[in-house]
Amino acid sequence: MAIDMESLVEATSGAVGALVSTTILYPLDTCKTRYQAENRAHHHQRYRNISDVLWEAISKGQVLSLYQGLGTKNLQSFISQFIYFYGYSFFKRLYLRESKSKSIGTAANLLIAAAAGTCTAIATQPLDTASSRMQTSDFGKSKGLWQSLSEGTFSDAFEGLGVSLLLTANPSIQYTVFDQLKNRLLKSNMEKQRDDVSSPEAISAFSAFAYGAVSKCIATCLTYPAIRCKVVIQSAKSDESEDGKRQSRPRNSITGTLCSIWEREGILGFFKGLQAQMLKTVLTSALLLMIKEKITKSTWVLMIALRRFMLTRPNLKSS
């Protein structure tokens, strides 16, 4: 039960942290996604930088449209982070129990994180696809969740799943780096009392924010070409040819999308929007981990109180 309870605490605190951080930074996420989704030759580009997306929304009086798809994104973020943190914590503790080790090496940590990320990607891919379509729709013309998913075939809802599975390396790298940094910081506190109800160690909000930013920065740089590819695949918009005529974008593969980016934008196209991605994801991850670290201890105390209440309840009834 200790394993399940601690996994539940990790999952709940991670999901709440994702919900708060996603809501705070959603307008930035929308601007970033629309900028990344544009796959055109340089002289046909609608957006020269991420600020052009913001000015377009302001000029059209559609500032609130920067929040289109927020509900779906929050649902996707909450579910995905809950599944990820629960799976990551569960697999990690299972590994420690079966291997009888006191710590997890980098290679094992990467595999555990990848396994949790794979489960998360498969379970939440339709929501991820729908939120991307909503964000890249014309301002004020975004469809609802059900319409976004039902307008195509069942397989269309899983567009970009291959890239999503590839991108499980991103959180794997991020949380591995974060855990290693956190463990180093807490190394001096290893002589803490151990019992069944001891709360998990937590670091300060500032340290969690800083380590979260550093770990996400490293992960984003290493996986960005795949991130750009995924956004282009899931985009709701069609591309334009060199003469400006609209063409429906084929439901292409990862290789087809990579070739399209190469032909239209060159090698730098694979890193288009990297600065915006770094800003958004680093802030989101740092906020998420900071909130998670602070919520974890409170959630643990609540879980312990609830557990004690449930254990004493039968005794009260019998008396």
Protein backbone atom coordinates (compact mmCIF):
# COMPACT_ATOMS: atom_id res chain seq x y z
CA MET A 1 0.00 0.00 0.00
CA ALA A 2 2.92 2.34 0.65
CA ILE A 3 3.98 2.01 -2.98
CA ASP A 4 0.49 2.74 -4.29
CA MET A 5 -0.05 5.67 -1.94
CA GLU A 6 3.23 7.38 -2.76
CA SER A 7 2.60 6.88 -6.48
CA LEU A 8 -0.84 8.44 -6.03
CA VAL A 9 0.66 11.42 -4.19
CA GLU A 10 3.21 11.95 -6.99
CA ALA A 11 0.50 11.67 -9.65
CA THR A 12 -1.93 14.05 -7.95
CA SER A 13 0.63 16.75 -7.20
CA GLY A 14 2.09 16.49 -10.72
CA ALA A 15 -1.34 16.75 -12.35
CA VAL A 16 -2.33 19.80 -10.28
CA GLY A 17 0.98 21.45 -11.09
CA ALA A 18 0.41 20.82 -14.81
CA LEU A 19 -3.10 22.28 -14.63
CA VAL A 20 -1.93 25.53 -13.02
CA SER A 21 1.15 26.02 -15.19
CA THR A 22 -0.75 25.27 -18.43
CA THR A 23 -3.47 27.81 -17.61
CA ILE A 24 -1.02 30.58 -16.71
CA LEU A 25 1.08 30.20 -19.86
CA TYR A 26 -1.62 29.20 -22.37
CA PRO A 27 -1.61 32.40 -24.51
CA LEU A 28 2.15 31.97 -24.99
CA ASP A 29 1.57 28.33 -25.91
CA THR A 30 -1.01 29.30 -28.54
CA CYS A 31 1.31 31.88 -30.14
CA LYS A 32 4.16 29.40 -30.11
CA THR A 33 2.09 26.60 -31.66
CA ARG A 34 0.68 28.77 -34.47
CA TYR A 35 4.15 30.04 -35.30
CA GLN A 36 5.61 26.51 -35.39
CA ALA A 37 2.74 25.11 -37.46
CA GLU A 38 3.39 27.43 -40.42
CA ASN A 39 5.32 25.42 -43.00
CA ARG A 40 5.97 27.73 -45.95
CA ALA A 41 8.88 29.10 -47.94
CA HIS A 42 10.49 32.14 -46.32
CA HIS A 43 9.02 34.70 -48.76
CA HIS A 44 5.49 33.34 -48.16
CA GLN A 45 5.61 33.20 -44.39
CA ARG A 46 2.73 34.83 -42.55
CA TYR A 47 4.57 35.10 -39.24
CA ARG A 48 8.15 36.36 -39.08
CA ASN A 49 8.35 35.81 -35.34
CA ILE A 50 6.13 34.77 -32.46
CA SER A 51 5.08 38.35 -31.68
CA ASP A 52 3.35 38.55 -35.09
CA VAL A 53 0.80 36.02 -33.84
CA LEU A 54 0.01 38.19 -30.84
CA TRP A 55 -0.34 41.33 -32.96
CA GLU A 56 -2.63 39.50 -35.37
CA ALA A 57 -4.94 38.55 -32.51
CA ILE A 58 -4.93 42.14 -31.21
CA SER A 59 -5.55 43.70 -34.63
CA LYS A 60 -8.51 41.39 -35.28
CA GLY A 61 -9.97 41.99 -31.82
CA GLN A 62 -9.58 38.30 -31.02
CA VAL A 63 -7.30 38.43 -27.99
CA LEU A 64 -9.53 35.98 -26.11
CA SER A 65 -9.03 33.54 -28.98
CA LEU A 66 -5.53 33.02 -27.65
CA TYR A 67 -7.34 30.84 -25.09
CA GLN A 68 -9.17 28.71 -27.66
CA GLY A 69 -8.79 25.06 -26.75
CA LEU A 70 -7.79 25.82 -23.14
CA GLY A 71 -10.29 23.36 -21.68
CA THR A 72 -9.06 20.53 -23.88
CA LYS A 73 -5.44 21.40 -23.20
CA ASN A 74 -6.03 21.45 -19.45
CA LEU A 75 -7.82 18.10 -19.61
CA GLN A 76 -4.98 16.64 -21.66
CA SER A 77 -2.32 18.10 -19.37
CA PHE A 78 -4.04 16.90 -16.19
CA ILE A 79 -4.59 13.36 -17.44
CA SER A 80 -1.19 13.03 -19.07
CA GLN A 81 0.73 14.30 -16.05
CA PHE A 82 -1.32 12.14 -13.68
CA ILE A 83 -0.61 9.03 -15.75
CA TYR A 84 3.03 9.97 -16.24
CA PHE A 85 3.87 10.75 -12.62
CA TYR A 86 1.91 7.73 -11.35
CA GLY A 87 3.62 5.42 -13.83
CA TYR A 88 7.05 6.96 -13.25
CA SER A 89 6.78 6.71 -9.46
CA PHE A 90 5.29 3.20 -9.58
CA PHE A 91 7.88 1.80 -12.00
CA LYS A 92 10.70 3.47 -10.07
CA ARG A 93 9.65 1.95 -6.75
CA LEU A 94 9.00 -1.40 -8.39
CA TYR A 95 12.52 -1.36 -9.80
CA LEU A 96 14.04 -0.50 -6.42
CA ARG A 97 12.08 -3.26 -4.72
CA GLU A 98 12.90 -5.94 -7.26
CA SER A 99 16.56 -4.97 -7.71
CA LYS A 100 17.04 -4.37 -3.97
CA SER A 101 19.00 -1.23 -4.85
CA LYS A 102 19.06 2.00 -2.88
CA SER A 103 19.33 4.23 -5.95
CA ILE A 104 18.56 4.18 -9.66
CA GLY A 105 21.22 4.64 -12.29
CA THR A 106 20.85 6.97 -15.25
CA ALA A 107 20.17 4.19 -17.78
CA ALA A 108 17.45 2.59 -15.63
CA ASN A 109 15.92 6.01 -14.94
CA LEU A 110 15.71 6.73 -18.67
CA LEU A 111 14.01 3.39 -19.35
CA ILE A 112 11.51 3.89 -16.53
CA ALA A 113 10.68 7.41 -17.71
CA ALA A 114 10.32 6.19 -21.31
CA ALA A 115 7.91 3.43 -20.21
CA ALA A 116 5.77 5.95 -18.31
CA GLY A 117 5.90 8.35 -21.26
CA THR A 118 4.80 5.67 -23.71
CA CYS A 119 1.72 4.85 -21.63
CA THR A 120 0.93 8.55 -21.38
CA ALA A 121 1.31 9.25 -25.12
CA ILE A 122 -0.99 6.42 -26.17
CA ALA A 123 -3.68 7.31 -23.63
CA THR A 124 -3.80 11.06 -24.35
CA GLN A 125 -2.93 11.32 -28.07
CA PRO A 126 -6.52 12.14 -29.23
CA LEU A 127 -6.70 15.02 -26.73
CA ASP A 128 -3.27 16.24 -27.82
CA THR A 129 -4.32 16.19 -31.48
CA ALA A 130 -7.58 18.02 -30.75
CA SER A 131 -5.89 20.75 -28.70
CA SER A 132 -3.31 21.36 -31.46
CA ARG A 133 -6.08 21.67 -34.08
CA MET A 134 -7.96 24.14 -31.88
CA GLN A 135 -4.89 26.30 -31.30
CA THR A 136 -3.98 26.44 -35.01
CA SER A 137 -7.53 27.14 -36.24
CA ASP A 138 -8.34 30.64 -37.43
CA PHE A 139 -8.96 33.02 -34.55
CA GLY A 140 -12.57 32.84 -33.42
CA LYS A 141 -13.30 29.74 -35.54
CA SER A 142 -12.05 26.98 -33.28
CA LYS A 143 -14.20 23.86 -33.06
CA GLY A 144 -15.08 22.00 -29.91
CA LEU A 145 -13.41 18.84 -28.67
CA TRP A 146 -15.97 16.43 -30.11
CA GLN A 147 -16.09 18.21 -33.48
CA SER A 148 -12.31 18.26 -33.73
CA LEU A 149 -12.10 14.52 -33.12
CA SER A 150 -15.16 13.42 -35.11
CA GLU A 151 -14.48 15.33 -38.35
CA GLY A 152 -11.98 12.70 -39.50
CA THR A 153 -11.43 8.99 -39.15
CA PHE A 154 -10.46 7.18 -35.97
CA SER A 155 -6.83 7.04 -37.08
CA ASP A 156 -6.82 10.83 -37.63
CA ALA A 157 -7.30 11.30 -33.89
CA PHE A 158 -3.93 9.61 -33.41
CA GLU A 159 -2.02 11.79 -35.86
CA GLY A 160 1.48 12.35 -34.63
CA LEU A 161 1.47 9.32 -32.33
CA GLY A 162 4.73 8.10 -33.83
CA VAL A 163 6.40 11.41 -33.02
CA SER A 164 4.81 11.46 -29.58
CA LEU A 165 6.32 8.06 -28.84
CA LEU A 166 9.66 9.34 -30.10
CA LEU A 167 9.28 12.37 -27.85
CA THR A 168 8.99 10.19 -24.75
CA ALA A 169 12.73 10.81 -24.70
CA ASN A 170 11.97 14.44 -23.78
CA PRO A 171 10.42 13.90 -20.33
CA SER A 172 12.76 10.96 -19.85
CA ILE A 173 15.75 13.27 -20.18
CA GLN A 174 14.04 16.07 -18.25
CA TYR A 175 13.00 14.12 -15.16
CA THR A 176 16.21 12.11 -15.13
CA VAL A 177 18.26 15.32 -15.04
CA PHE A 178 15.87 16.83 -12.46
CA ASP A 179 16.03 13.78 -10.21
CA GLN A 180 19.82 13.66 -10.39
CA LEU A 181 20.09 17.35 -9.46
CA LYS A 182 17.52 16.95 -6.70
CA ASN A 183 19.26 13.89 -5.26
CA ARG A 184 22.56 15.72 -5.13
CA LEU A 185 20.94 18.58 -3.27
CA LEU A 186 19.31 16.23 -0.76
CA LYS A 187 22.36 14.05 -0.27
CA SER A 188 23.20 15.70 3.04
CA ASN A 189 19.74 14.78 4.40
CA MET A 190 20.00 11.03 3.81
CA GLU A 191 20.05 10.28 7.55
CA LYS A 192 16.46 11.35 7.93
CA GLN A 193 14.19 9.13 10.04
CA ARG A 194 12.52 6.39 8.04
CA ASP A 195 9.16 4.92 8.91
CA ASP A 196 5.94 4.02 7.15
CA VAL A 197 4.47 7.48 7.47
CA SER A 198 7.47 9.69 6.86
CA SER A 199 6.78 12.28 4.16
CA PRO A 200 8.91 12.34 1.01
CA GLU A 201 11.79 14.79 0.92
CA ALA A 202 11.09 18.11 -0.76
CA ILE A 203 13.39 20.85 -1.97
CA SER A 204 12.78 24.58 -1.87
CA ALA A 205 10.53 26.25 -4.43
CA PHE A 206 13.44 28.21 -5.88
CA SER A 207 15.61 25.09 -6.28
CA ALA A 208 12.75 23.17 -7.88
CA PHE A 209 12.10 26.07 -10.29
CA ALA A 210 15.78 26.37 -11.24
CA TYR A 211 16.35 22.63 -11.64
CA GLY A 212 13.12 22.28 -13.59
CA ALA A 213 14.19 25.03 -15.99
CA VAL A 214 17.66 23.55 -16.53
CA SER A 215 16.39 20.01 -17.06
CA LYS A 216 13.68 21.06 -19.52
CA CYS A 217 16.11 23.28 -21.42
CA ILE A 218 18.43 20.34 -22.01
CA ALA A 219 15.59 18.02 -23.05
CA THR A 220 14.04 20.57 -25.42
CA CYS A 221 17.28 21.32 -27.26
CA LEU A 222 17.91 17.63 -27.88
CA THR A 223 14.40 16.82 -29.17
CA TYR A 224 13.25 20.03 -30.86
CA PRO A 225 13.23 18.86 -34.53
CA ALA A 226 10.75 16.14 -33.55
CA ILE A 227 8.65 18.69 -31.64
CA ARG A 228 8.40 20.93 -34.72
CA CYS A 229 7.52 17.93 -36.87
CA LYS A 230 4.70 16.93 -34.53
CA VAL A 231 3.13 20.41 -34.54
CA VAL A 232 3.16 20.54 -38.36
CA ILE A 233 1.52 17.10 -38.58
CA GLN A 234 -1.26 17.99 -36.14
CA SER A 235 -1.89 21.50 -37.46
CA ALA A 236 -5.47 22.34 -38.48
CA LYS A 237 -4.29 24.57 -41.32
CA SER A 238 -3.41 23.66 -44.86
CA ASP A 239 -0.16 24.75 -46.41
CA GLU A 240 0.35 27.08 -49.33
CA SER A 241 2.30 26.38 -52.48
CA GLU A 242 4.89 28.75 -53.89
CA ASP A 243 2.24 30.66 -55.91
CA GLY A 244 0.14 31.22 -52.79
CA LYS A 245 -2.62 28.73 -53.59
CA ARG A 246 -3.95 26.71 -50.71
CA GLN A 247 -3.27 23.00 -50.78
CA SER A 248 -4.66 20.45 -48.39
CA ARG A 249 -1.79 19.00 -46.45
CA PRO A 250 -1.60 15.22 -46.79
CA ARG A 251 -1.79 13.09 -43.69
CA ASN A 252 1.87 12.41 -44.12
CA SER A 253 4.35 10.46 -42.15
CA ILE A 254 7.21 11.69 -40.03
CA THR A 255 9.60 11.36 -42.96
CA GLY A 256 7.20 13.17 -45.29
CA THR A 257 6.88 16.09 -42.88
CA LEU A 258 10.63 16.26 -42.36
CA CYS A 259 11.15 16.37 -46.14
CA SER A 260 8.55 19.12 -46.49
CA ILE A 261 10.26 21.26 -43.84
CA TRP A 262 13.64 20.67 -45.49
CA GLU A 263 12.38 21.62 -48.98
CA ARG A 264 10.54 24.77 -47.90
CA GLU A 265 12.62 26.11 -45.05
CA GLY A 266 16.00 24.40 -45.15
CA ILE A 267 17.89 23.03 -42.17
CA LEU A 268 17.04 26.05 -40.02
CA GLY A 269 13.37 25.16 -40.43
CA PHE A 270 13.84 22.25 -38.07
CA PHE A 271 14.64 24.78 -35.35
CA LYS A 272 12.01 27.39 -36.23
CA GLY A 273 10.40 28.60 -33.02
CA LEU A 274 13.06 27.07 -30.79
CA GLN A 275 13.36 30.23 -28.71
CA ALA A 276 9.60 30.37 -28.16
CA GLN A 277 9.50 26.66 -27.36
CA MET A 278 12.32 27.07 -24.87
CA LEU A 279 10.62 29.99 -23.18
CA LYS A 280 7.25 28.28 -22.94
CA THR A 281 8.34 24.78 -22.00
CA VAL A 282 11.01 25.88 -19.55
CA LEU A 283 8.57 28.16 -17.73
CA THR A 284 5.84 25.50 -17.79
CA SER A 285 8.12 22.74 -16.55
CA ALA A 286 9.70 24.92 -13.90
CA LEU A 287 6.29 26.05 -12.61
CA LEU A 288 4.97 22.48 -12.72
CA LEU A 289 7.86 21.04 -10.74
CA MET A 290 7.88 23.95 -8.29
CA ILE A 291 4.15 23.54 -7.60
CA LYS A 292 4.49 19.76 -7.47
CA GLU A 293 7.26 19.91 -4.89
CA LYS A 294 5.19 22.21 -2.67
CA ILE A 295 1.95 20.25 -3.11
CA THR A 296 3.57 16.86 -2.59
CA LYS A 297 4.18 17.34 1.12
CA SER A 298 0.67 18.71 1.77
CA THR A 299 -0.88 15.92 -0.30
CA TRP A 300 1.15 13.35 1.61
CA VAL A 301 -0.07 14.72 4.97
CA LEU A 302 -3.68 14.60 3.73
CA MET A 303 -3.21 11.02 2.50
CA ILE A 304 -1.73 9.98 5.86
CA ALA A 305 -4.62 11.63 7.74
CA LEU A 306 -7.15 9.92 5.46
CA ARG A 307 -5.39 6.59 5.89
CA ARG A 308 -5.41 6.88 9.68
CA PHE A 309 -9.08 7.87 9.63
CA MET A 310 -9.98 4.83 7.51
CA LEU A 311 -7.97 2.54 9.82
CA THR A 312 -9.54 3.89 13.03
CA ARG A 313 -13.06 3.91 11.65
CA PRO A 314 -13.64 0.14 12.08
CA ASN A 315 -12.44 0.39 15.70
CA LEU A 316 -14.92 3.19 16.38
CA LYS A 317 -17.75 1.11 14.94
CA SER A 318 -16.84 -1.95 17.00
CA SER A 319 -16.74 0.08 20.20
